Amino acid sequence: MKHSPPPTTKRIGRVEQAEAALVRLLAETSKRGFFGAATLSFNVQDGRIQQVRIATEQTLK
C-alpha cells in the first residue's frame, strides 16, 4: 500500500489540502491501466480537519 502525503505548504488550509489531495488522487488513478483502490480520509476533531491521508493500492494484472 502506498501512502502519499498531501501538499505541505503552511499557507494552505486543511480544506484546501483535502481538495488538493482529491485532485492528486484522481489524477493518479484515472489513467488507463490502473486497477486497484484509492482512499481519501481525514481526521476531524471539534469540527476541524486535523489530518488528511491519501492511499492507493494497485492490483497487478
Protein backbone atom coordinates (compact mmCIF):
# COMPACT_ATOMS: atom_id res chain seq x y z
CA MET A 1 0.00 0.00 0.00
CA LYS A 2 1.37 3.39 -0.97
CA HIS A 3 0.72 6.43 1.22
CA SER A 4 1.29 9.87 -0.26
CA PRO A 5 1.25 12.94 1.92
CA PRO A 6 -0.80 15.90 0.79
CA PRO A 7 0.86 19.24 -0.08
CA THR A 8 2.58 20.69 2.99
CA THR A 9 2.69 24.42 2.25
CA LYS A 10 1.82 26.11 5.54
CA ARG A 11 -0.36 28.71 3.84
CA ILE A 12 -2.71 26.04 2.51
CA GLY A 13 -5.57 25.30 4.92
CA ARG A 14 -6.76 21.80 5.71
CA VAL A 15 -9.82 22.07 3.46
CA GLU A 16 -7.60 23.13 0.59
CA GLN A 17 -5.25 20.24 1.43
CA ALA A 18 -8.16 17.80 1.23
CA GLU A 19 -9.26 19.26 -2.10
CA ALA A 20 -5.72 19.11 -3.49
CA ALA A 21 -5.34 15.54 -2.24
CA LEU A 22 -8.54 14.52 -4.04
CA VAL A 23 -7.37 16.11 -7.29
CA ARG A 24 -4.00 14.35 -6.97
CA LEU A 25 -5.63 11.02 -6.16
CA LEU A 26 -7.96 11.27 -9.15
CA ALA A 27 -5.06 12.20 -11.44
CA GLU A 28 -3.02 9.19 -10.26
CA THR A 29 -5.84 6.67 -10.58
CA SER A 30 -7.86 7.91 -13.57
CA LYS A 31 -5.35 6.53 -16.03
CA ARG A 32 -5.89 3.69 -18.43
CA GLY A 33 -4.31 0.57 -17.00
CA PHE A 34 -4.83 1.41 -13.31
CA PHE A 35 -6.59 -1.37 -11.42
CA GLY A 36 -6.96 -1.07 -7.67
CA ALA A 37 -8.33 1.09 -4.89
CA ALA A 38 -7.89 4.69 -3.86
CA THR A 39 -8.70 6.16 -0.46
CA LEU A 40 -9.01 9.73 0.80
CA SER A 41 -9.55 10.06 4.54
CA PHE A 42 -9.29 12.84 7.04
CA ASN A 43 -9.44 13.02 10.81
CA VAL A 44 -11.72 15.64 12.30
CA GLN A 45 -11.65 16.95 15.86
CA ASP A 46 -14.14 19.52 17.08
CA GLY A 47 -15.23 20.29 13.53
CA ARG A 48 -11.70 20.92 12.22
CA ILE A 49 -9.74 18.72 9.86
CA GLN A 50 -6.60 17.63 11.69
CA GLN A 51 -5.03 15.24 9.20
CA VAL A 52 -5.53 14.35 5.53
CA ARG A 53 -4.41 10.97 4.16
CA ILE A 54 -4.43 9.51 0.70
CA ALA A 55 -3.58 5.95 -0.26
CA THR A 56 -3.57 3.92 -3.44
CA GLU A 57 -3.41 0.19 -3.76
CA GLN A 58 -2.69 -1.12 -7.21
CA THR A 59 -3.65 -4.57 -8.41
CA LEU A 60 -1.24 -6.13 -10.88
CA LYS A 61 -2.91 -7.82 -13.81
